[in-house]
Amino acid sequence: MATINFVPVSMRRRPEFSSGNEKTFRSSLILKKRLVKVAAASSLESSPPVMEKPEIELEFIAPKAGSDGKYPVDRVKAISGEKLLRNIMSENKLELYAAYGKVMNCGGGGSCGTCIVEILDGKDLLNEKTNTELRYLKKKAESWRLACQTIVGNKENSGKVVVQRLPQWKK
């Protein structure tokens, strides 16, 4: 690693003429670049090691099969315990709502029950169901969750979660 310092080399005086007969001088400083080498090894040894945060791999299965008969899968990674499933889907532009939910969703407040997903694998990497989920999903399959209430990971775990988008469309 190197830095550049500027050091004075010389002073130059240039004459200036005023309105009278007298001469004045303006001084200007000439600087020269000087390369200064700095040892970086000592600063690296003193800094604490950076711990990598655990990640959760998410696979989102599309609600409808493609023209080839297979269900498209979108893959995303997220830092464990930092985001709600709804936010991850929104940031990655993954379809979350059915037609009614696109118009009538609550924006993630947990008061409408329209952001339903089905957890096919990795439910142990998610938070426990909230009271809101228990209220809205009491007659639904146990594997169904509300994306706005589901925290992905717990800041310590890592693994893979498989999510079926719009499970109500599956027949």
C-alpha atoms as a PDB file:
ATOM      1  CA  MET A   1       0.000   0.000   0.000  1.00  0.00           C
ATOM      2  CA  ALA A   2       1.326   3.430  -0.873  1.00  0.00           C
ATOM      3  CA  THR A   3       0.249   7.009  -0.348  1.00  0.00           C
ATOM      4  CA  ILE A   4       1.199  10.180  -2.111  1.00  0.00           C
ATOM      5  CA  ASN A   5       2.448  13.152  -0.160  1.00  0.00           C
ATOM      6  CA  PHE A   6       3.102  16.597  -1.575  1.00  0.00           C
ATOM      7  CA  VAL A   7       6.287  18.272  -0.400  1.00  0.00           C
ATOM      8  CA  PRO A   8       7.449  21.849  -1.114  1.00  0.00           C
ATOM      9  CA  VAL A   9      10.281  22.005  -3.615  1.00  0.00           C
ATOM     10  CA  SER A  10      10.775  25.714  -4.173  1.00  0.00           C
ATOM     11  CA  MET A  11       9.213  29.129  -3.877  1.00  0.00           C
ATOM     12  CA  ARG A  12       8.891  31.238  -6.975  1.00  0.00           C
ATOM     13  CA  ARG A  13       8.378  34.966  -6.935  1.00  0.00           C
ATOM     14  CA  ARG A  14       6.621  36.509  -9.893  1.00  0.00           C
ATOM     15  CA  PRO A  15       6.561  40.264 -10.423  1.00  0.00           C
ATOM     16  CA  GLU A  16       3.233  42.061 -10.542  1.00  0.00           C
ATOM     17  CA  PHE A  17       2.738  45.635 -11.600  1.00  0.00           C
ATOM     18  CA  SER A  18       0.358  47.949  -9.865  1.00  0.00           C
ATOM     19  CA  SER A  19      -1.110  51.214 -11.120  1.00  0.00           C
ATOM     20  CA  GLY A  20       1.879  53.204  -9.845  1.00  0.00           C
ATOM     21  CA  ASN A  21       5.586  52.794 -10.547  1.00  0.00           C
ATOM     22  CA  GLU A  22       6.119  50.336  -7.743  1.00  0.00           C
ATOM     23  CA  LYS A  23       6.624  46.619  -8.291  1.00  0.00           C
ATOM     24  CA  THR A  24       5.015  44.000  -6.073  1.00  0.00           C
ATOM     25  CA  PHE A  25       5.769  40.314  -5.967  1.00  0.00           C
ATOM     26  CA  ARG A  26       3.474  37.325  -5.671  1.00  0.00           C
ATOM     27  CA  SER A  27       4.903  34.139  -4.246  1.00  0.00           C
ATOM     28  CA  SER A  28       3.762  30.763  -5.428  1.00  0.00           C
ATOM     29  CA  LEU A  29       4.637  27.438  -3.935  1.00  0.00           C
ATOM     30  CA  ILE A  30       5.672  24.589  -6.238  1.00  0.00           C
ATOM     31  CA  LEU A  31       4.774  21.170  -4.920  1.00  0.00           C
ATOM     32  CA  LYS A  32       6.229  17.888  -6.006  1.00  0.00           C
ATOM     33  CA  LYS A  33       4.642  14.463  -5.570  1.00  0.00           C
ATOM     34  CA  ARG A  34       6.567  12.066  -3.395  1.00  0.00           C
ATOM     35  CA  LEU A  35       5.587   8.418  -3.043  1.00  0.00           C
ATOM     36  CA  VAL A  36       5.601   7.206   0.521  1.00  0.00           C
ATOM     37  CA  LYS A  37       5.348   3.471   1.208  1.00  0.00           C
ATOM     38  CA  VAL A  38       3.392   2.386   4.237  1.00  0.00           C
ATOM     39  CA  ALA A  39       3.576  -1.051   5.770  1.00  0.00           C
ATOM     40  CA  ALA A  40       0.071  -2.497   5.906  1.00  0.00           C
ATOM     41  CA  ALA A  41       0.909  -5.727   7.702  1.00  0.00           C
ATOM     42  CA  SER A  42       0.846  -4.211  11.170  1.00  0.00           C
ATOM     43  CA  SER A  43      -2.671  -2.768  10.735  1.00  0.00           C
ATOM     44  CA  LEU A  44      -4.060  -6.096   9.527  1.00  0.00           C
ATOM     45  CA  GLU A  45      -2.703  -7.989  12.494  1.00  0.00           C
ATOM     46  CA  SER A  46      -4.330  -5.680  15.013  1.00  0.00           C
ATOM     47  CA  SER A  47      -7.843  -5.708  13.490  1.00  0.00           C
ATOM     48  CA  PRO A  48     -10.248  -8.380  14.754  1.00  0.00           C
ATOM     49  CA  PRO A  49     -11.289 -11.117  12.317  1.00  0.00           C
ATOM     50  CA  VAL A  50     -14.512 -10.435  10.422  1.00  0.00           C
ATOM     51  CA  MET A  51     -17.127 -13.084  11.124  1.00  0.00           C
ATOM     52  CA  GLU A  52     -19.186 -14.047   8.098  1.00  0.00           C
ATOM     53  CA  LYS A  53     -22.920 -13.923   8.787  1.00  0.00           C
ATOM     54  CA  PRO A  54     -24.817 -17.181   8.199  1.00  0.00           C
ATOM     55  CA  GLU A  55     -26.983 -17.293   5.078  1.00  0.00           C
ATOM     56  CA  ILE A  56     -30.261 -18.947   4.272  1.00  0.00           C
ATOM     57  CA  GLU A  57     -30.755 -20.231   0.730  1.00  0.00           C
ATOM     58  CA  LEU A  58     -34.319 -19.818  -0.469  1.00  0.00           C
ATOM     59  CA  GLU A  59     -35.992 -21.563  -3.394  1.00  0.00           C
ATOM     60  CA  PHE A  60     -39.294 -20.098  -4.547  1.00  0.00           C
ATOM     61  CA  ILE A  61     -41.431 -22.433  -6.646  1.00  0.00           C
ATOM     62  CA  ALA A  62     -43.766 -20.698  -9.083  1.00  0.00           C
ATOM     63  CA  PRO A  63     -47.503 -21.269  -8.646  1.00  0.00           C
ATOM     64  CA  LYS A  64     -48.053 -22.446 -12.225  1.00  0.00           C
ATOM     65  CA  ALA A  65     -46.100 -24.779 -14.487  1.00  0.00           C
ATOM     66  CA  GLY A  66     -44.263 -23.373 -17.481  1.00  0.00           C
ATOM     67  CA  SER A  67     -44.841 -24.438 -21.099  1.00  0.00           C
ATOM     68  CA  ASP A  68     -42.522 -27.406 -20.535  1.00  0.00           C
ATOM     69  CA  GLY A  69     -44.707 -28.680 -17.689  1.00  0.00           C
ATOM     70  CA  LYS A  70     -42.110 -27.886 -15.011  1.00  0.00           C
ATOM     71  CA  TYR A  71     -42.547 -25.382 -12.221  1.00  0.00           C
ATOM     72  CA  PRO A  72     -39.991 -22.541 -12.504  1.00  0.00           C
ATOM     73  CA  VAL A  73     -37.784 -22.048  -9.432  1.00  0.00           C
ATOM     74  CA  ASP A  74     -36.226 -18.754  -8.311  1.00  0.00           C
ATOM     75  CA  ARG A  75     -33.208 -18.956  -6.000  1.00  0.00           C
ATOM     76  CA  VAL A  76     -32.248 -16.220  -3.534  1.00  0.00           C
ATOM     77  CA  LYS A  77     -29.864 -15.941  -0.559  1.00  0.00           C
ATOM     78  CA  ALA A  78     -30.560 -13.919   2.579  1.00  0.00           C
ATOM     79  CA  ILE A  79     -28.659 -13.168   5.775  1.00  0.00           C
ATOM     80  CA  SER A  80     -30.105 -15.300   8.564  1.00  0.00           C
ATOM     81  CA  GLY A  81     -32.506 -13.488  10.900  1.00  0.00           C
ATOM     82  CA  GLU A  82     -32.441 -10.095   9.190  1.00  0.00           C
ATOM     83  CA  LYS A  83     -35.532 -10.013   6.958  1.00  0.00           C
ATOM     84  CA  LEU A  84     -39.118 -11.070   6.642  1.00  0.00           C
ATOM     85  CA  LEU A  85     -39.996 -13.473   3.848  1.00  0.00           C
ATOM     86  CA  ARG A  86     -42.321 -10.817   2.359  1.00  0.00           C
ATOM     87  CA  ASN A  87     -39.465  -8.293   2.094  1.00  0.00           C
ATOM     88  CA  ILE A  88     -37.139 -10.819   0.460  1.00  0.00           C
ATOM     89  CA  MET A  89     -39.787 -11.675  -2.116  1.00  0.00           C
ATOM     90  CA  SER A  90     -40.583  -8.024  -2.746  1.00  0.00           C
ATOM     91  CA  GLU A  91     -36.906  -7.027  -3.174  1.00  0.00           C
ATOM     92  CA  ASN A  92     -36.417  -9.842  -5.686  1.00  0.00           C
ATOM     93  CA  LYS A  93     -39.663  -9.031  -7.542  1.00  0.00           C
ATOM     94  CA  LEU A  94     -41.200 -12.426  -6.859  1.00  0.00           C
ATOM     95  CA  GLU A  95     -44.981 -12.645  -7.177  1.00  0.00           C
ATOM     96  CA  LEU A  96     -46.529 -12.879  -3.735  1.00  0.00           C
ATOM     97  CA  TYR A  97     -50.180 -11.933  -4.042  1.00  0.00           C
ATOM     98  CA  ALA A  98     -53.111 -13.382  -5.950  1.00  0.00           C
ATOM     99  CA  ALA A  99     -55.372 -10.893  -7.792  1.00  0.00           C
ATOM    100  CA  TYR A 100     -57.349  -9.937  -4.676  1.00  0.00           C
ATOM    101  CA  GLY A 101     -54.193  -9.538  -2.587  1.00  0.00           C
ATOM    102  CA  LYS A 102     -52.569  -7.209  -5.118  1.00  0.00           C
ATOM    103  CA  VAL A 103     -55.391  -4.742  -4.560  1.00  0.00           C
ATOM    104  CA  MET A 104     -56.361  -5.408  -0.955  1.00  0.00           C
ATOM    105  CA  ASN A 105     -53.103  -6.267   0.870  1.00  0.00           C
ATOM    106  CA  CYS A 106     -52.187  -4.442   4.074  1.00  0.00           C
ATOM    107  CA  GLY A 107     -48.577  -3.735   3.070  1.00  0.00           C
ATOM    108  CA  GLY A 108     -47.059  -6.215   5.503  1.00  0.00           C
ATOM    109  CA  GLY A 109     -48.940  -5.217   8.646  1.00  0.00           C
ATOM    110  CA  GLY A 110     -50.354  -8.690   9.278  1.00  0.00           C
ATOM    111  CA  SER A 111     -53.975  -7.570   9.103  1.00  0.00           C
ATOM    112  CA  CYS A 112     -55.238  -9.091   5.835  1.00  0.00           C
ATOM    113  CA  GLY A 113     -53.935 -12.660   5.405  1.00  0.00           C
ATOM    114  CA  THR A 114     -53.262 -12.308   1.648  1.00  0.00           C
ATOM    115  CA  CYS A 115     -49.506 -13.067   1.567  1.00  0.00           C
ATOM    116  CA  ILE A 116     -49.881 -16.823   1.980  1.00  0.00           C
ATOM    117  CA  VAL A 117     -46.969 -19.116   1.102  1.00  0.00           C
ATOM    118  CA  GLU A 118     -46.373 -22.802   1.748  1.00  0.00           C
ATOM    119  CA  ILE A 119     -43.123 -23.959   3.323  1.00  0.00           C
ATOM    120  CA  LEU A 120     -42.216 -27.242   1.651  1.00  0.00           C
ATOM    121  CA  ASP A 121     -38.838 -27.673   3.319  1.00  0.00           C
ATOM    122  CA  GLY A 122     -36.781 -25.934   6.010  1.00  0.00           C
ATOM    123  CA  LYS A 123     -39.563 -24.786   8.343  1.00  0.00           C
ATOM    124  CA  ASP A 124     -37.172 -25.285  11.281  1.00  0.00           C
ATOM    125  CA  LEU A 125     -35.095 -22.357   9.882  1.00  0.00           C
ATOM    126  CA  LEU A 126     -38.025 -19.952  10.328  1.00  0.00           C
ATOM    127  CA  ASN A 127     -39.563 -18.321  13.379  1.00  0.00           C
ATOM    128  CA  GLU A 128     -42.525 -19.914  15.148  1.00  0.00           C
ATOM    129  CA  LYS A 129     -45.981 -19.010  13.858  1.00  0.00           C
ATOM    130  CA  THR A 130     -47.249 -15.731  15.298  1.00  0.00           C
ATOM    131  CA  ASN A 131     -50.697 -15.186  16.841  1.00  0.00           C
ATOM    132  CA  THR A 132     -51.677 -13.352  13.654  1.00  0.00           C
ATOM    133  CA  GLU A 133     -50.803 -16.422  11.580  1.00  0.00           C
ATOM    134  CA  LEU A 134     -52.639 -18.723  13.944  1.00  0.00           C
ATOM    135  CA  ARG A 135     -55.749 -16.530  13.563  1.00  0.00           C
ATOM    136  CA  TYR A 136     -55.669 -16.208   9.739  1.00  0.00           C
ATOM    137  CA  LEU A 137     -54.490 -19.734   8.937  1.00  0.00           C
ATOM    138  CA  LYS A 138     -56.416 -21.822  11.472  1.00  0.00           C
ATOM    139  CA  LYS A 139     -58.331 -23.691   8.724  1.00  0.00           C
ATOM    140  CA  LYS A 140     -55.364 -23.956   6.359  1.00  0.00           C
ATOM    141  CA  ALA A 141     -52.615 -26.547   6.017  1.00  0.00           C
ATOM    142  CA  GLU A 142     -49.992 -26.565   8.795  1.00  0.00           C
ATOM    143  CA  SER A 143     -47.263 -25.784   6.253  1.00  0.00           C
ATOM    144  CA  TRP A 144     -48.884 -22.483   5.194  1.00  0.00           C
ATOM    145  CA  ARG A 145     -47.414 -19.235   6.510  1.00  0.00           C
ATOM    146  CA  LEU A 146     -47.957 -15.491   6.092  1.00  0.00           C
ATOM    147  CA  ALA A 147     -44.881 -14.027   4.400  1.00  0.00           C
ATOM    148  CA  CYS A 148     -45.248 -10.758   6.345  1.00  0.00           C
ATOM    149  CA  GLN A 149     -44.953 -12.625   9.655  1.00  0.00           C
ATOM    150  CA  THR A 150     -42.195 -15.083   8.734  1.00  0.00           C
ATOM    151  CA  ILE A 151     -38.618 -14.216   9.731  1.00  0.00           C
ATOM    152  CA  VAL A 152     -36.043 -16.103   7.679  1.00  0.00           C
ATOM    153  CA  GLY A 153     -33.418 -17.560  10.053  1.00  0.00           C
ATOM    154  CA  ASN A 154     -32.443 -16.560  13.590  1.00  0.00           C
ATOM    155  CA  LYS A 155     -29.025 -14.857  13.018  1.00  0.00           C
ATOM    156  CA  GLU A 156     -27.200 -18.097  13.912  1.00  0.00           C
ATOM    157  CA  ASN A 157     -28.580 -20.816  11.668  1.00  0.00           C
ATOM    158  CA  SER A 158     -28.037 -21.475   7.981  1.00  0.00           C
ATOM    159  CA  GLY A 159     -29.584 -23.867   5.507  1.00  0.00           C
ATOM    160  CA  LYS A 160     -32.176 -24.089   2.768  1.00  0.00           C
ATOM    161  CA  VAL A 161     -35.860 -23.175   2.737  1.00  0.00           C
ATOM    162  CA  VAL A 162     -38.181 -24.201  -0.108  1.00  0.00           C
ATOM    163  CA  VAL A 163     -41.236 -21.963  -0.555  1.00  0.00           C
ATOM    164  CA  GLN A 164     -44.305 -22.595  -2.735  1.00  0.00           C
ATOM    165  CA  ARG A 165     -45.656 -19.246  -3.887  1.00  0.00           C
ATOM    166  CA  LEU A 166     -49.450 -18.829  -4.014  1.00  0.00           C
ATOM    167  CA  PRO A 167     -50.275 -22.332  -2.713  1.00  0.00           C
ATOM    168  CA  GLN A 168     -53.997 -21.594  -3.082  1.00  0.00           C
ATOM    169  CA  TRP A 169     -53.506 -21.806  -6.887  1.00  0.00           C
ATOM    170  CA  LYS A 170     -52.122 -25.328  -6.664  1.00  0.00           C
ATOM    171  CA  LYS A 171     -54.632 -27.995  -7.545  1.00  0.00           C
END
